Amino acid sequence: MHLDANQPLKVGLIGFGLAGQVFHAPTIRAVAGLDLACIVERSGSLAQQKYPAIRVVHTVEELLADDSIRLCVVATPNASHFEIAQRCLLAGRDVVVDKPFTITSAEAKELIELAARQKRLLSVFQSRRWDGDFLTLRRLLDSGALGRLVEYESRYDRFRPQLKSGNFWRESAAPGSGMLYDLGPHMIDQALVLFGGPEGITAELFMQRDAAKVDDAFDVRLHYPGLNVTLRCSMLACAAGPRYVLNGTHGSFVKYGMDPQEEKLRLTNAIAADGWGEDPEDQWGTLTSCDGENTSSQKVKTEPGDYRAFYANIRDAITHNAPLAVTPEQAFRVIRAIELAYQSSREKRTVPWNESPLRS
């Protein structure tokens, strides 16, 4: 497939559920040099209503029959990620997969090896690396303001006491369902970006809501020398806890509230040109510093978040061989961590970290 660097990179989006509608389509359309040329919507006409100028088809085969489409974005239910990504790679396309990468680390490894054989780009949409709060705490850690970090806690709290009506796949008892596969990849990816692979994992998974069929809450601890990393999620947090708590030998950083990009995308399905990703001042985090007996606190302005940076990097990696920001090897480690967390919860013990894929 010939790539003309002077022409926009044509993108095909496979799936037009929540991920496709809210995150991928608006973000792709907001990145210069990318052209959302085709959307696969298996049933319904929502994509055509929202984007009447974009070609809409009902099958992956129809999309792949268009040789002008270079990049395929897989935004389908979790259990289908492996099979669809595999088909796209075999068809000679570069591929972005929505999180979670796959259901098993064995599937992830197989896709990585296939992409290498096909000489095609493969990445995973770990968009929350570009949350403003995460960019802010990375800057704080790099500055040394907290001293030696000893505790890192990340929470993802919501209040959704009722299950989704109907056979909603995210909450059904099926492979790839549940909160650890839904929100866990974001939180685990952030931790692995900051700290690398842990020595071990201790996890508890819960079904807290009435009639829950799969985990809707979790408590995952990643063990590092001198550092405790805790990742928590609940769907029954009426009073949400802090998004981040970091404690170090020189001070602490506490941040409440979620990055505003998701809420704005849900409301508008579009990325605005001005002020995008800016956190309101009342949501800024607090840095408390201790110097002997003296303690001082100050608000820390949140860095602007921008999910467009993910797709800008994909564009540059395809057209100019720029290094990938989210590599498939990193995505593999996230899936491996999820497998080990399930094992820990099932066996009620700490399990050592290892990267040998689990064969299904």
Protein backbone atom coordinates (compact mmCIF):
# COMPACT_ATOMS: atom_id res chain seq x y z
CA MET A 1 0.00 0.00 0.00
CA HIS A 2 1.58 3.27 -1.14
CA LEU A 3 1.66 6.07 1.42
CA ASP A 4 1.65 9.64 0.12
CA ALA A 5 3.09 11.83 2.86
CA ASN A 6 1.36 14.85 1.32
CA GLN A 7 -2.12 13.34 1.70
CA PRO A 8 -4.07 12.79 4.93
CA LEU A 9 -3.76 9.30 6.37
CA LYS A 10 -7.07 7.50 5.80
CA VAL A 11 -8.50 5.86 8.91
CA GLY A 12 -11.19 3.22 9.27
CA LEU A 13 -13.03 3.00 12.60
CA ILE A 14 -14.44 -0.41 13.46
CA GLY A 15 -17.22 -0.13 16.03
CA PHE A 16 -19.51 2.77 16.89
CA GLY A 17 -20.50 2.07 20.45
CA LEU A 18 -19.38 4.20 23.39
CA ALA A 19 -15.67 4.04 22.57
CA GLY A 20 -16.11 4.74 18.87
CA GLN A 21 -18.64 7.54 19.31
CA VAL A 22 -17.19 9.35 22.30
CA PHE A 23 -13.45 8.85 22.11
CA HIS A 24 -12.13 7.69 18.76
CA ALA A 25 -14.21 9.42 16.09
CA PRO A 26 -14.00 12.94 17.60
CA THR A 27 -10.30 12.60 18.42
CA ILE A 28 -9.31 11.25 15.00
CA ARG A 29 -11.26 14.04 13.30
CA ALA A 30 -9.49 16.66 15.43
CA VAL A 31 -5.94 15.59 14.46
CA ALA A 32 -4.40 17.23 11.40
CA GLY A 33 -3.16 14.74 8.85
CA LEU A 34 -5.79 12.09 9.68
CA ASP A 35 -8.94 11.50 7.64
CA LEU A 36 -11.72 9.42 9.18
CA ALA A 37 -12.76 7.84 5.89
CA CYS A 38 -14.94 4.91 6.94
CA ILE A 39 -16.89 3.68 9.97
CA VAL A 40 -18.05 0.12 10.54
CA GLU A 41 -21.39 0.14 12.36
CA ARG A 42 -22.81 -3.37 12.46
CA SER A 43 -26.42 -2.22 12.89
CA GLY A 44 -28.30 1.04 13.14
CA SER A 45 -27.66 4.36 11.44
CA LEU A 46 -26.20 6.54 14.20
CA ALA A 47 -22.82 6.91 12.51
CA GLN A 48 -24.43 8.11 9.28
CA GLN A 49 -26.58 10.57 11.22
CA LYS A 50 -23.60 12.02 13.08
CA TYR A 51 -21.19 11.99 10.13
CA PRO A 52 -23.19 12.12 6.87
CA ALA A 53 -20.06 12.86 4.82
CA ILE A 54 -18.24 9.73 6.00
CA ARG A 55 -18.76 6.33 4.36
CA VAL A 56 -20.49 3.90 6.73
CA VAL A 57 -20.42 0.14 6.18
CA HIS A 58 -21.73 -2.84 8.15
CA THR A 59 -18.83 -5.30 8.00
CA VAL A 60 -15.07 -5.37 8.48
CA GLU A 61 -14.77 -7.00 5.05
CA GLU A 62 -16.28 -3.94 3.39
CA LEU A 63 -13.81 -1.67 5.15
CA LEU A 64 -10.79 -3.84 4.26
CA ALA A 65 -11.89 -3.92 0.62
CA ASP A 66 -10.96 -0.23 0.47
CA ASP A 67 -7.21 -0.26 -0.19
CA SER A 68 -6.91 3.47 0.53
CA ILE A 69 -7.48 2.92 4.26
CA ARG A 70 -4.12 2.53 5.95
CA LEU A 71 -5.00 2.64 9.67
CA CYS A 72 -7.72 0.50 11.27
CA VAL A 73 -9.01 1.38 14.75
CA VAL A 74 -10.68 -1.47 16.62
CA ALA A 75 -13.31 -0.12 19.04
CA THR A 76 -15.54 -3.17 19.39
CA PRO A 77 -16.47 -5.19 22.52
CA ASN A 78 -13.42 -6.52 24.36
CA ALA A 79 -13.77 -10.18 23.41
CA SER A 80 -13.56 -9.34 19.69
CA HIS A 81 -10.38 -7.25 19.81
CA PHE A 82 -7.99 -10.09 19.03
CA GLU A 83 -9.85 -11.53 16.06
CA ILE A 84 -10.56 -8.19 14.38
CA ALA A 85 -7.05 -6.83 14.96
CA GLN A 86 -5.64 -10.06 13.55
CA ARG A 87 -7.74 -9.71 10.38
CA CYS A 88 -6.65 -6.12 9.89
CA LEU A 89 -2.96 -6.95 10.33
CA LEU A 90 -3.23 -9.84 7.89
CA ALA A 91 -4.80 -7.41 5.43
CA GLY A 92 -1.68 -5.25 5.65
CA ARG A 93 -3.12 -2.43 7.76
CA ASP A 94 -1.66 -0.59 10.71
CA VAL A 95 -3.82 -1.12 13.78
CA VAL A 96 -4.87 0.73 16.92
CA VAL A 97 -6.86 -1.34 19.43
CA ASP A 98 -9.00 0.22 22.12
CA LYS A 99 -8.12 -0.90 25.63
CA PRO A 100 -7.96 -3.64 26.77
CA PHE A 101 -5.52 -4.81 24.11
CA THR A 102 -6.78 -8.41 24.25
CA ILE A 103 -8.34 -10.77 26.79
CA THR A 104 -5.23 -12.87 27.39
CA SER A 105 -1.50 -12.24 27.29
CA ALA A 106 -1.17 -15.17 24.87
CA GLU A 107 -3.42 -13.34 22.40
CA ALA A 108 -1.44 -10.14 22.95
CA LYS A 109 1.84 -11.92 22.24
CA GLU A 110 0.40 -13.46 19.08
CA LEU A 111 -0.70 -10.06 17.75
CA ILE A 112 2.70 -8.54 18.52
CA GLU A 113 4.45 -11.31 16.60
CA LEU A 114 2.02 -10.99 13.68
CA ALA A 115 2.52 -7.22 13.46
CA ALA A 116 6.28 -7.74 13.38
CA ARG A 117 5.97 -10.31 10.56
CA GLN A 118 3.63 -8.05 8.61
CA LYS A 119 5.84 -5.00 9.29
CA ARG A 120 2.81 -3.08 10.49
CA LEU A 121 2.29 -0.65 13.35
CA LEU A 122 0.34 -1.92 16.35
CA SER A 123 -0.67 0.20 19.33
CA VAL A 124 -3.32 0.44 22.03
CA PHE A 125 -5.45 3.45 22.93
CA GLN A 126 -4.06 4.21 26.40
CA SER A 127 -5.49 7.71 26.21
CA ARG A 128 -5.29 8.46 29.92
CA ARG A 129 -1.56 8.94 29.68
CA TRP A 130 -2.74 12.32 28.36
CA ASP A 131 -5.06 13.10 31.26
CA GLY A 132 -4.06 16.45 32.71
CA ASP A 133 -3.84 15.13 36.27
CA PHE A 134 -1.50 12.32 35.22
CA LEU A 135 0.69 14.74 33.28
CA THR A 136 0.79 16.93 36.40
CA LEU A 137 1.86 14.22 38.80
CA ARG A 138 4.53 13.06 36.32
CA ARG A 139 5.90 16.59 36.34
CA LEU A 140 5.84 16.66 40.14
CA LEU A 141 7.65 13.35 40.39
CA ASP A 142 10.28 14.49 37.89
CA SER A 143 10.82 17.69 39.91
CA GLY A 144 11.63 15.80 43.10
CA ALA A 145 9.12 17.91 45.07
CA LEU A 146 7.88 14.85 46.98
CA GLY A 147 11.31 13.44 47.74
CA ARG A 148 11.49 9.66 47.66
CA LEU A 149 8.02 8.36 46.85
CA VAL A 150 6.75 5.73 49.28
CA GLU A 151 3.04 5.53 48.49
CA TYR A 152 0.98 6.00 45.33
CA GLU A 153 -2.79 5.54 45.31
CA SER A 154 -5.00 5.88 42.24
CA ARG A 155 -8.78 5.69 42.53
CA TYR A 156 -11.50 5.50 39.92
CA ASP A 157 -14.79 6.01 41.75
CA ARG A 158 -18.28 6.21 40.30
CA PHE A 159 -21.78 5.90 41.68
CA ARG A 160 -23.78 3.57 39.46
CA PRO A 161 -25.83 1.34 41.78
CA GLN A 162 -27.99 -0.06 38.99
CA LEU A 163 -26.70 -2.47 36.40
CA LYS A 164 -27.18 -1.57 32.74
CA SER A 165 -30.46 -2.88 31.40
CA GLY A 166 -30.47 -5.72 28.90
CA ASN A 167 -27.54 -7.96 28.04
CA PHE A 168 -24.87 -5.29 28.45
CA TRP A 169 -21.63 -7.02 27.61
CA ARG A 170 -19.45 -5.04 30.04
CA GLU A 171 -21.46 -6.40 32.98
CA SER A 172 -22.17 -9.93 31.77
CA ALA A 173 -20.36 -13.01 33.02
CA ALA A 174 -18.13 -13.38 29.97
CA PRO A 175 -14.40 -13.19 29.22
CA GLY A 176 -13.14 -9.61 29.15
CA SER A 177 -16.06 -8.18 31.13
CA GLY A 178 -15.89 -6.44 34.49
CA MET A 179 -14.22 -3.33 35.85
CA LEU A 180 -10.70 -4.74 35.96
CA TYR A 181 -10.82 -5.13 32.17
CA ASP A 182 -12.74 -1.87 31.71
CA LEU A 183 -10.99 0.69 33.93
CA GLY A 184 -8.07 -1.41 35.15
CA PRO A 185 -6.04 -1.02 31.91
CA HIS A 186 -5.91 2.76 32.36
CA MET A 187 -4.78 2.59 35.98
CA ILE A 188 -2.33 -0.27 35.49
CA ASP A 189 -0.81 1.35 32.41
CA GLN A 190 -0.20 4.58 34.30
CA ALA A 191 1.48 2.72 37.16
CA LEU A 192 3.70 0.68 34.83
CA VAL A 193 4.68 3.83 32.92
CA LEU A 194 5.77 5.47 36.17
CA PHE A 195 7.38 2.57 37.99
CA GLY A 196 7.95 -0.34 35.61
CA GLY A 197 7.13 -3.94 36.43
CA PRO A 198 6.51 -4.69 40.13
CA GLU A 199 7.93 -7.53 42.19
CA GLY A 200 4.47 -8.90 42.89
CA ILE A 201 0.73 -8.26 42.81
CA THR A 202 -1.92 -8.62 45.50
CA ALA A 203 -5.51 -8.15 44.36
CA GLU A 204 -9.08 -8.47 45.57
CA LEU A 205 -11.97 -8.33 43.12
CA PHE A 206 -15.51 -7.74 44.32
CA MET A 207 -19.10 -7.94 43.14
CA GLN A 208 -20.71 -5.24 45.26
CA ARG A 209 -23.89 -4.25 43.44
CA ASP A 210 -27.13 -6.18 43.66
CA ALA A 211 -27.32 -8.84 40.93
CA ALA A 212 -23.73 -8.20 39.81
CA LYS A 213 -22.41 -11.07 37.67
CA VAL A 214 -18.81 -9.91 37.28
CA ASP A 215 -16.36 -7.77 39.23
CA ASP A 216 -17.56 -4.19 39.68
CA ALA A 217 -14.89 -3.13 42.16
CA PHE A 218 -11.26 -3.97 42.78
CA ASP A 219 -8.30 -3.30 45.03
CA VAL A 220 -4.98 -4.04 43.32
CA ARG A 221 -1.61 -3.55 45.00
CA LEU A 222 1.64 -3.53 43.04
CA HIS A 223 4.68 -4.18 45.21
CA TYR A 224 7.98 -2.37 44.60
CA PRO A 225 11.02 -2.02 46.87
CA GLY A 226 10.22 0.82 49.25
CA LEU A 227 7.04 1.77 47.38
CA ASN A 228 3.43 0.64 47.72
CA VAL A 229 1.16 1.24 44.71
CA THR A 230 -2.60 0.83 45.22
CA LEU A 231 -5.20 0.94 42.46
CA ARG A 232 -8.85 1.06 43.53
CA CYS A 233 -12.16 1.17 41.70
CA SER A 234 -15.76 1.23 42.94
CA MET A 235 -19.15 1.68 41.30
CA LEU A 236 -20.72 2.44 44.70
CA ALA A 237 -18.74 5.50 45.75
CA CYS A 238 -21.45 8.10 46.33
CA ALA A 239 -18.80 10.34 47.88
CA ALA A 240 -15.79 9.82 45.65
CA GLY A 241 -12.36 9.68 47.22
CA PRO A 242 -9.32 11.47 45.85
CA ARG A 243 -8.26 10.58 42.33
CA TYR A 244 -4.61 10.45 43.38
CA VAL A 245 -2.74 10.41 46.68
CA LEU A 246 1.08 10.46 46.57
CA ASN A 247 3.20 10.45 49.73
CA GLY A 248 6.95 10.98 49.79
CA THR A 249 9.75 11.84 52.17
CA HIS A 250 9.35 15.59 51.46
CA GLY A 251 5.60 15.91 51.14
CA SER A 252 2.28 14.78 49.68
CA PHE A 253 0.15 15.48 46.63
CA VAL A 254 -3.62 14.98 46.68
CA LYS A 255 -5.86 15.47 43.65
CA TYR A 256 -9.66 15.24 43.52
CA GLY A 257 -11.86 15.10 40.44
CA MET A 258 -11.53 13.49 37.03
CA ASP A 259 -9.88 14.84 33.93
CA PRO A 260 -12.56 16.91 32.13
CA GLN A 261 -12.01 15.54 28.61
CA GLU A 262 -14.30 12.50 28.87
CA GLU A 263 -17.24 14.51 30.18
CA LYS A 264 -16.83 17.11 27.44
CA LEU A 265 -16.61 14.42 24.76
CA ARG A 266 -19.74 12.72 26.06
CA LEU A 267 -21.61 16.02 25.89
CA THR A 268 -20.38 17.30 22.54
CA ASN A 269 -18.66 14.47 20.61
CA ALA A 270 -16.17 17.12 19.52
CA ILE A 271 -12.86 18.61 20.64
CA ALA A 272 -12.90 22.38 20.97
CA ALA A 273 -9.99 24.45 19.73
CA ASP A 274 -9.58 26.70 22.78
CA GLY A 275 -9.18 25.66 26.39
CA TRP A 276 -9.43 21.95 25.68
CA GLY A 277 -8.44 19.69 28.57
CA GLU A 278 -8.06 22.54 31.09
CA ASP A 279 -9.01 21.67 34.66
CA PRO A 280 -11.07 24.25 36.59
CA GLU A 281 -9.10 25.87 39.39
CA ASP A 282 -11.26 24.34 42.11
CA GLN A 283 -10.14 20.89 40.89
CA TRP A 284 -6.41 21.59 41.07
CA GLY A 285 -4.42 19.28 43.34
CA THR A 286 -2.72 20.28 46.59
CA LEU A 287 0.99 19.87 47.27
CA THR A 288 1.83 19.80 50.98
CA SER A 289 5.54 20.15 51.72
CA CYS A 290 7.26 19.43 55.01
CA ASP A 291 10.64 20.88 56.01
CA GLY A 292 11.39 19.88 59.55
CA GLU A 293 8.57 21.30 61.67
CA ASN A 294 7.42 23.66 58.93
CA THR A 295 4.53 22.61 56.73
CA SER A 296 3.16 24.53 53.75
CA SER A 297 0.44 23.81 51.21
CA GLN A 298 -0.12 25.17 47.73
CA LYS A 299 -2.43 24.52 44.82
CA VAL A 300 -0.78 22.99 41.75
CA LYS A 301 -2.23 24.01 38.43
CA THR A 302 -3.27 20.97 36.41
CA GLU A 303 -1.46 20.52 33.11
CA PRO A 304 -3.86 20.66 30.15
CA GLY A 305 -4.80 17.17 29.02
CA ASP A 306 -5.10 16.30 25.34
CA TYR A 307 -6.11 12.93 23.90
CA ARG A 308 -5.18 14.21 20.45
CA ALA A 309 -1.53 13.61 21.35
CA PHE A 310 -2.09 9.85 21.10
CA TYR A 311 -3.31 9.98 17.51
CA ALA A 312 -0.77 12.64 16.55
CA ASN A 313 1.92 10.18 17.64
CA ILE A 314 0.30 7.36 15.62
CA ARG A 315 0.25 9.63 12.57
CA ASP A 316 3.90 10.55 13.01
CA ALA A 317 4.93 6.94 13.63
CA ILE A 318 3.31 5.84 10.36
CA THR A 319 4.34 8.77 8.18
CA HIS A 320 7.73 9.70 9.66
CA ASN A 321 8.83 6.63 11.69
CA ALA A 322 8.52 8.50 14.99
CA PRO A 323 8.87 6.30 18.10
CA LEU A 324 5.57 4.91 19.33
CA ALA A 325 4.37 6.43 22.58
CA VAL A 326 2.30 3.34 23.43
CA THR A 327 4.08 0.20 22.31
CA PRO A 328 2.37 -3.18 22.01
CA GLU A 329 4.91 -4.60 24.45
CA GLN A 330 3.70 -2.12 27.08
CA ALA A 331 0.10 -3.12 26.33
CA PHE A 332 1.07 -6.78 26.73
CA ARG A 333 2.33 -6.06 30.27
CA VAL A 334 -0.99 -4.46 31.18
CA ILE A 335 -2.87 -7.60 30.16
CA ARG A 336 -0.38 -9.77 32.00
CA ALA A 337 -0.93 -7.68 35.13
CA ILE A 338 -4.69 -8.19 34.81
CA GLU A 339 -4.20 -11.96 34.58
CA LEU A 340 -1.98 -11.95 37.65
CA ALA A 341 -4.50 -9.81 39.55
CA TYR A 342 -7.25 -12.32 38.81
CA GLN A 343 -4.94 -15.13 39.93
CA SER A 344 -4.12 -13.30 43.16
CA SER A 345 -7.76 -12.68 43.98
CA ARG A 346 -8.74 -16.24 43.14
CA GLU A 347 -5.93 -17.80 45.19
CA LYS A 348 -6.03 -15.16 47.95
CA ARG A 349 -2.29 -14.57 47.90
CA THR A 350 0.42 -12.32 46.53
CA VAL A 351 1.66 -13.61 43.20
CA PRO A 352 5.14 -12.82 41.83
CA TRP A 353 5.42 -10.71 38.69
CA ASN A 354 6.32 -12.57 35.54
CA GLU A 355 5.78 -11.89 31.85
CA SER A 356 5.27 -15.42 30.58
CA PRO A 357 1.99 -15.34 28.63
CA LEU A 358 -0.87 -17.39 29.97
CA ARG A 359 -1.98 -19.93 27.39
CA SER A 360 -5.72 -20.23 27.08
